[in-house]
Amino acid sequence: MGTGKKPLSAAFAQYTSLALLLPISTFVGYVIGHYLDKALGTHWLTVLFLILGTVGGFIELIRQIMRDSNDGPG
């Protein structure tokens, strides 16, 4: 029925969220690690959760790119 093409506003919203995905996930990982460090009196959880947040952001970014490449024209 439809052409299968996304409206421009939907594509804009999707790619804007992709642009924000990596910095936000990295920041959230940092904040979680920082608060755990303060609560537990450690100094290494900030780095661990910073890395986990970054890796999680990259994984989700790659998943979205793979979805987009499968939904492409053709």
PDB file of N, CA and C in Angstrom:
ATOM      1  N   MET A   1       0.821  -1.183   0.000  1.00  0.00           N
ATOM      2  CA  MET A   1       0.000   0.000   0.000  1.00  0.00           C
ATOM      3  C   MET A   1       0.864   1.246   0.000  1.00  0.00           C
ATOM      4  N   GLY A   2       1.751   1.349   1.013  1.00  0.00           N
ATOM      5  CA  GLY A   2       2.653   2.497   1.068  1.00  0.00           C
ATOM      6  C   GLY A   2       3.906   2.217   0.257  1.00  0.00           C
ATOM      7  N   THR A   3       4.685   3.242   0.090  1.00  0.00           N
ATOM      8  CA  THR A   3       5.922   3.084  -0.675  1.00  0.00           C
ATOM      9  C   THR A   3       7.029   2.492   0.169  1.00  0.00           C
ATOM     10  N   GLY A   4       6.842   2.431   1.486  1.00  0.00           N
ATOM     11  CA  GLY A   4       7.862   1.887   2.365  1.00  0.00           C
ATOM     12  C   GLY A   4       8.916   2.909   2.736  1.00  0.00           C
ATOM     13  N   LYS A   5       8.766   4.114   2.225  1.00  0.00           N
ATOM     14  CA  LYS A   5       9.730   5.167   2.519  1.00  0.00           C
ATOM     15  C   LYS A   5       9.251   5.957   3.736  1.00  0.00           C
ATOM     16  N   LYS A   6      10.172   6.277   4.617  1.00  0.00           N
ATOM     17  CA  LYS A   6       9.831   7.018   5.826  1.00  0.00           C
ATOM     18  C   LYS A   6       9.611   8.489   5.479  1.00  0.00           C
ATOM     19  N   PRO A   7       8.678   9.118   6.188  1.00  0.00           N
ATOM     20  CA  PRO A   7       8.546  10.569   6.005  1.00  0.00           C
ATOM     21  C   PRO A   7       9.818  11.271   6.479  1.00  0.00           C
ATOM     22  N   LEU A   8      10.055  12.434   5.955  1.00  0.00           N
ATOM     23  CA  LEU A   8      11.268  13.191   6.281  1.00  0.00           C
ATOM     24  C   LEU A   8      11.374  13.473   7.778  1.00  0.00           C
ATOM     25  N   SER A   9      10.263  13.792   8.418  1.00  0.00           N
ATOM     26  CA  SER A   9      10.302  14.094   9.852  1.00  0.00           C
ATOM     27  C   SER A   9      10.686  12.862  10.671  1.00  0.00           C
ATOM     28  N   ALA A  10      10.224  11.686  10.263  1.00  0.00           N
ATOM     29  CA  ALA A  10      10.578  10.457  10.979  1.00  0.00           C
ATOM     30  C   ALA A  10      12.058  10.135  10.802  1.00  0.00           C
ATOM     31  N   ALA A  11      12.568  10.315   9.603  1.00  0.00           N
ATOM     32  CA  ALA A  11      13.997  10.073   9.361  1.00  0.00           C
ATOM     33  C   ALA A  11      14.846  11.066  10.150  1.00  0.00           C
ATOM     34  N   PHE A  12      14.417  12.330  10.194  1.00  0.00           N
ATOM     35  CA  PHE A  12      15.146  13.344  10.954  1.00  0.00           C
ATOM     36  C   PHE A  12      15.187  12.996  12.435  1.00  0.00           C
ATOM     37  N   ALA A  13      14.045  12.576  12.985  1.00  0.00           N
ATOM     38  CA  ALA A  13      13.985  12.212  14.397  1.00  0.00           C
ATOM     39  C   ALA A  13      14.870  10.995  14.687  1.00  0.00           C
ATOM     40  N   GLN A  14      14.861  10.029  13.787  1.00  0.00           N
ATOM     41  CA  GLN A  14      15.660   8.821  13.998  1.00  0.00           C
ATOM     42  C   GLN A  14      17.151   9.149  13.993  1.00  0.00           C
ATOM     43  N   TYR A  15      17.609   9.934  13.055  1.00  0.00           N
ATOM     44  CA  TYR A  15      19.033  10.232  12.975  1.00  0.00           C
ATOM     45  C   TYR A  15      19.478  11.232  14.033  1.00  0.00           C
ATOM     46  N   THR A  16      18.583  12.067  14.503  1.00  0.00           N
ATOM     47  CA  THR A  16      18.908  12.935  15.633  1.00  0.00           C
ATOM     48  C   THR A  16      19.110  12.095  16.888  1.00  0.00           C
ATOM     49  N   SER A  17      18.253  11.096  17.082  1.00  0.00           N
ATOM     50  CA  SER A  17      18.425  10.230  18.247  1.00  0.00           C
ATOM     51  C   SER A  17      19.716   9.427  18.142  1.00  0.00           C
ATOM     52  N   LEU A  18      20.104   9.037  16.943  1.00  0.00           N
ATOM     53  CA  LEU A  18      21.382   8.340  16.770  1.00  0.00           C
ATOM     54  C   LEU A  18      22.555   9.246  17.115  1.00  0.00           C
ATOM     55  N   ALA A  19      22.449  10.513  16.771  1.00  0.00           N
ATOM     56  CA  ALA A  19      23.534  11.442  17.074  1.00  0.00           C
ATOM     57  C   ALA A  19      23.684  11.656  18.575  1.00  0.00           C
ATOM     58  N   LEU A  20      22.596  11.542  19.312  1.00  0.00           N
ATOM     59  CA  LEU A  20      22.628  11.754  20.755  1.00  0.00           C
ATOM     60  C   LEU A  20      22.883  10.471  21.534  1.00  0.00           C
ATOM     61  N   LEU A  21      22.733   9.331  20.890  1.00  0.00           N
ATOM     62  CA  LEU A  21      22.824   8.043  21.562  1.00  0.00           C
ATOM     63  C   LEU A  21      24.172   7.822  22.241  1.00  0.00           C
ATOM     64  N   LEU A  22      25.254   7.993  21.540  1.00  0.00           N
ATOM     65  CA  LEU A  22      26.581   7.705  22.084  1.00  0.00           C
ATOM     66  C   LEU A  22      26.970   8.656  23.219  1.00  0.00           C
ATOM     67  N   PRO A  23      26.827   9.971  23.054  1.00  0.00           N
ATOM     68  CA  PRO A  23      27.193  10.833  24.192  1.00  0.00           C
ATOM     69  C   PRO A  23      26.314  10.636  25.418  1.00  0.00           C
ATOM     70  N   ILE A  24      25.030  10.386  25.220  1.00  0.00           N
ATOM     71  CA  ILE A  24      24.143  10.204  26.367  1.00  0.00           C
ATOM     72  C   ILE A  24      24.462   8.900  27.088  1.00  0.00           C
ATOM     73  N   SER A  25      24.682   7.818  26.353  1.00  0.00           N
ATOM     74  CA  SER A  25      24.991   6.547  27.014  1.00  0.00           C
ATOM     75  C   SER A  25      26.329   6.617  27.747  1.00  0.00           C
ATOM     76  N   THR A  26      27.293   7.335  27.175  1.00  0.00           N
ATOM     77  CA  THR A  26      28.580   7.512  27.843  1.00  0.00           C
ATOM     78  C   THR A  26      28.403   8.317  29.129  1.00  0.00           C
ATOM     79  N   PHE A  27      27.617   9.382  29.069  1.00  0.00           N
ATOM     80  CA  PHE A  27      27.375  10.217  30.242  1.00  0.00           C
ATOM     81  C   PHE A  27      26.642   9.447  31.335  1.00  0.00           C
ATOM     82  N   VAL A  28      25.639   8.665  30.949  1.00  0.00           N
ATOM     83  CA  VAL A  28      24.890   7.879  31.935  1.00  0.00           C
ATOM     84  C   VAL A  28      25.810   6.865  32.615  1.00  0.00           C
ATOM     85  N   GLY A  29      26.668   6.218  31.831  1.00  0.00           N
ATOM     86  CA  GLY A  29      27.623   5.285  32.421  1.00  0.00           C
ATOM     87  C   GLY A  29      28.550   5.981  33.403  1.00  0.00           C
ATOM     88  N   TYR A  30      29.011   7.173  33.049  1.00  0.00           N
ATOM     89  CA  TYR A  30      29.880   7.943  33.947  1.00  0.00           C
ATOM     90  C   TYR A  30      29.163   8.290  35.252  1.00  0.00           C
ATOM     91  N   VAL A  31      27.929   8.760  35.140  1.00  0.00           N
ATOM     92  CA  VAL A  31      27.175   9.175  36.326  1.00  0.00           C
ATOM     93  C   VAL A  31      26.924   7.991  37.251  1.00  0.00           C
ATOM     94  N   ILE A  32      26.527   6.860  36.688  1.00  0.00           N
ATOM     95  CA  ILE A  32      26.293   5.665  37.513  1.00  0.00           C
ATOM     96  C   ILE A  32      27.583   5.260  38.227  1.00  0.00           C
ATOM     97  N   GLY A  33      28.685   5.221  37.499  1.00  0.00           N
ATOM     98  CA  GLY A  33      29.964   4.854  38.105  1.00  0.00           C
ATOM     99  C   GLY A  33      30.404   5.837  39.175  1.00  0.00           C
ATOM    100  N   HIS A  34      30.195   7.120  38.919  1.00  0.00           N
ATOM    101  CA  HIS A  34      30.581   8.147  39.890  1.00  0.00           C
ATOM    102  C   HIS A  34      29.812   7.981  41.202  1.00  0.00           C
ATOM    103  N   TYR A  35      28.500   7.802  41.098  1.00  0.00           N
ATOM    104  CA  TYR A  35      27.703   7.647  42.317  1.00  0.00           C
ATOM    105  C   TYR A  35      28.022   6.343  43.043  1.00  0.00           C
ATOM    106  N   LEU A  36      28.288   5.285  42.302  1.00  0.00           N
ATOM    107  CA  LEU A  36      28.682   4.036  42.960  1.00  0.00           C
ATOM    108  C   LEU A  36      30.036   4.190  43.654  1.00  0.00           C
ATOM    109  N   ASP A  37      30.955   4.904  43.016  1.00  0.00           N
ATOM    110  CA  ASP A  37      32.243   5.162  43.660  1.00  0.00           C
ATOM    111  C   ASP A  37      32.070   5.923  44.967  1.00  0.00           C
ATOM    112  N   LYS A  38      31.224   6.942  44.943  1.00  0.00           N
ATOM    113  CA  LYS A  38      30.995   7.718  46.170  1.00  0.00           C
ATOM    114  C   LYS A  38      30.334   6.860  47.247  1.00  0.00           C
ATOM    115  N   ALA A  39      29.374   6.041  46.851  1.00  0.00           N
ATOM    116  CA  ALA A  39      28.635   5.228  47.822  1.00  0.00           C
ATOM    117  C   ALA A  39      29.498   4.110  48.401  1.00  0.00           C
ATOM    118  N   LEU A  40      30.371   3.535  47.584  1.00  0.00           N
ATOM    119  CA  LEU A  40      31.156   2.386  48.029  1.00  0.00           C
ATOM    120  C   LEU A  40      32.582   2.746  48.438  1.00  0.00           C
ATOM    121  N   GLY A  41      32.982   3.985  48.227  1.00  0.00           N
ATOM    122  CA  GLY A  41      34.320   4.410  48.601  1.00  0.00           C
ATOM    123  C   GLY A  41      35.415   3.862  47.694  1.00  0.00           C
ATOM    124  N   THR A  42      35.075   3.594  46.456  1.00  0.00           N
ATOM    125  CA  THR A  42      36.061   3.079  45.498  1.00  0.00           C
ATOM    126  C   THR A  42      36.439   4.183  44.513  1.00  0.00           C
ATOM    127  N   HIS A  43      37.363   3.881  43.603  1.00  0.00           N
ATOM    128  CA  HIS A  43      37.791   4.874  42.616  1.00  0.00           C
ATOM    129  C   HIS A  43      37.836   4.318  41.201  1.00  0.00           C
ATOM    130  N   TRP A  44      37.453   3.078  40.998  1.00  0.00           N
ATOM    131  CA  TRP A  44      37.588   2.470  39.683  1.00  0.00           C
ATOM    132  C   TRP A  44      36.252   2.230  38.978  1.00  0.00           C
ATOM    133  N   LEU A  45      35.141   2.346  39.679  1.00  0.00           N
ATOM    134  CA  LEU A  45      33.847   2.082  39.063  1.00  0.00           C
ATOM    135  C   LEU A  45      33.453   3.146  38.037  1.00  0.00           C
ATOM    136  N   THR A  46      33.913   4.377  38.217  1.00  0.00           N
ATOM    137  CA  THR A  46      33.621   5.421  37.242  1.00  0.00           C
ATOM    138  C   THR A  46      34.177   5.042  35.882  1.00  0.00           C
ATOM    139  N   VAL A  47      35.417   4.589  35.858  1.00  0.00           N
ATOM    140  CA  VAL A  47      36.053   4.203  34.587  1.00  0.00           C
ATOM    141  C   VAL A  47      35.336   2.990  33.986  1.00  0.00           C
ATOM    142  N   LEU A  48      35.016   2.018  34.819  1.00  0.00           N
ATOM    143  CA  LEU A  48      34.341   0.811  34.335  1.00  0.00           C
ATOM    144  C   LEU A  48      32.996   1.146  33.697  1.00  0.00           C
ATOM    145  N   PHE A  49      32.171   1.932  34.392  1.00  0.00           N
ATOM    146  CA  PHE A  49      30.856   2.255  33.860  1.00  0.00           C
ATOM    147  C   PHE A  49      30.934   3.240  32.696  1.00  0.00           C
ATOM    148  N   LEU A  50      31.966   4.071  32.654  1.00  0.00           N
ATOM    149  CA  LEU A  50      32.188   4.933  31.499  1.00  0.00           C
ATOM    150  C   LEU A  50      32.440   4.078  30.259  1.00  0.00           C
ATOM    151  N   ILE A  51      33.275   3.068  30.406  1.00  0.00           N
ATOM    152  CA  ILE A  51      33.563   2.160  29.289  1.00  0.00           C
ATOM    153  C   ILE A  51      32.312   1.373  28.910  1.00  0.00           C
ATOM    154  N   LEU A  52      31.581   0.861  29.904  1.00  0.00           N
ATOM    155  CA  LEU A  52      30.366   0.102  29.612  1.00  0.00           C
ATOM    156  C   LEU A  52      29.322   0.957  28.901  1.00  0.00           C
ATOM    157  N   GLY A  53      29.166   2.195  29.308  1.00  0.00           N
ATOM    158  CA  GLY A  53      28.220   3.092  28.647  1.00  0.00           C
ATOM    159  C   GLY A  53      28.614   3.370  27.210  1.00  0.00           C
ATOM    160  N   THR A  54      29.903   3.572  26.979  1.00  0.00           N
ATOM    161  CA  THR A  54      30.386   3.820  25.620  1.00  0.00           C
ATOM    162  C   THR A  54      30.183   2.596  24.738  1.00  0.00           C
ATOM    163  N   VAL A  55      30.539   1.431  25.253  1.00  0.00           N
ATOM    164  CA  VAL A  55      30.368   0.193  24.483  1.00  0.00           C
ATOM    165  C   VAL A  55      28.886  -0.051  24.193  1.00  0.00           C
ATOM    166  N   GLY A  56      28.038   0.168  25.181  1.00  0.00           N
ATOM    167  CA  GLY A  56      26.600   0.007  24.970  1.00  0.00           C
ATOM    168  C   GLY A  56      26.070   0.952  23.901  1.00  0.00           C
ATOM    169  N   GLY A  57      26.555   2.183  23.901  1.00  0.00           N
ATOM    170  CA  GLY A  57      26.152   3.143  22.872  1.00  0.00           C
ATOM    171  C   GLY A  57      26.597   2.709  21.490  1.00  0.00           C
ATOM    172  N   PHE A  58      27.832   2.222  21.369  1.00  0.00           N
ATOM    173  CA  PHE A  58      28.320   1.738  20.076  1.00  0.00           C
ATOM    174  C   PHE A  58      27.519   0.531  19.601  1.00  0.00           C
ATOM    175  N   ILE A  59      27.187  -0.378  20.500  1.00  0.00           N
ATOM    176  CA  ILE A  59      26.414  -1.558  20.110  1.00  0.00           C
ATOM    177  C   ILE A  59      25.050  -1.151  19.569  1.00  0.00           C
ATOM    178  N   GLU A  60      24.386  -0.247  20.263  1.00  0.00           N
ATOM    179  CA  GLU A  60      23.077   0.192  19.791  1.00  0.00           C
ATOM    180  C   GLU A  60      23.184   0.968  18.475  1.00  0.00           C
ATOM    181  N   LEU A  61      24.245   1.743  18.314  1.00  0.00           N
ATOM    182  CA  LEU A  61      24.478   2.466  17.064  1.00  0.00           C
ATOM    183  C   LEU A  61      24.663   1.486  15.903  1.00  0.00           C
ATOM    184  N   ILE A  62      25.444   0.452  16.120  1.00  0.00           N
ATOM    185  CA  ILE A  62      25.677  -0.555  15.080  1.00  0.00           C
ATOM    186  C   ILE A  62      24.390  -1.307  14.772  1.00  0.00           C
ATOM    187  N   ARG A  63      23.610  -1.644  15.790  1.00  0.00           N
ATOM    188  CA  ARG A  63      22.325  -2.317  15.552  1.00  0.00           C
ATOM    189  C   ARG A  63      21.414  -1.475  14.678  1.00  0.00           C
ATOM    190  N   GLN A  64      21.345  -0.176  14.973  1.00  0.00           N
ATOM    191  CA  GLN A  64      20.474   0.700  14.195  1.00  0.00           C
ATOM    192  C   GLN A  64      20.969   0.827  12.759  1.00  0.00           C
ATOM    193  N   ILE A  65      22.259   0.906  12.571  1.00  0.00           N
ATOM    194  CA  ILE A  65      22.813   0.993  11.217  1.00  0.00           C
ATOM    195  C   ILE A  65      22.508  -0.290  10.447  1.00  0.00           C
ATOM    196  N   MET A  66      22.624  -1.439  11.116  1.00  0.00           N
ATOM    197  CA  MET A  66      22.304  -2.715  10.458  1.00  0.00           C
ATOM    198  C   MET A  66      20.824  -2.770  10.087  1.00  0.00           C
ATOM    199  N   ARG A  67      19.947  -2.298  10.974  1.00  0.00           N
ATOM    200  CA  ARG A  67      18.511  -2.261  10.658  1.00  0.00           C
ATOM    201  C   ARG A  67      18.249  -1.371   9.454  1.00  0.00           C
ATOM    202  N   ASP A  68      18.902  -0.204   9.425  1.00  0.00           N
ATOM    203  CA  ASP A  68      18.694   0.722   8.309  1.00  0.00           C
ATOM    204  C   ASP A  68      19.203   0.148   6.995  1.00  0.00           C
ATOM    205  N   SER A  69      20.325  -0.559   7.045  1.00  0.00           N
ATOM    206  CA  SER A  69      20.871  -1.119   5.803  1.00  0.00           C
ATOM    207  C   SER A  69      19.980  -2.254   5.287  1.00  0.00           C
ATOM    208  N   ASN A  70      19.279  -2.957   6.182  1.00  0.00           N
ATOM    209  CA  ASN A  70      18.354  -4.010   5.757  1.00  0.00           C
ATOM    210  C   ASN A  70      17.038  -3.444   5.251  1.00  0.00           C
ATOM    211  N   ASP A  71      16.662  -2.250   5.719  1.00  0.00           N
ATOM    212  CA  ASP A  71      15.401  -1.626   5.307  1.00  0.00           C
ATOM    213  C   ASP A  71      15.560  -0.710   4.107  1.00  0.00           C
ATOM    214  N   GLY A  72      16.746  -0.663   3.551  1.00  0.00           N
ATOM    215  CA  GLY A  72      17.043   0.249   2.445  1.00  0.00           C
ATOM    216  C   GLY A  72      16.239  -0.053   1.195  1.00  0.00           C
ATOM    217  N   PRO A  73      16.388   0.796   0.189  1.00  0.00           N
ATOM    218  CA  PRO A  73      15.642   0.578  -1.052  1.00  0.00           C
ATOM    219  C   PRO A  73      16.078  -0.704  -1.735  1.00  0.00           C
ATOM    220  N   GLY A  74      15.151  -1.312  -2.367  1.00  0.00           N
ATOM    221  CA  GLY A  74      15.515  -2.519  -3.109  1.00  0.00           C
ATOM    222  C   GLY A  74      14.663  -3.587  -2.754  1.00  0.00           C
TER     223      GLY A  74
END
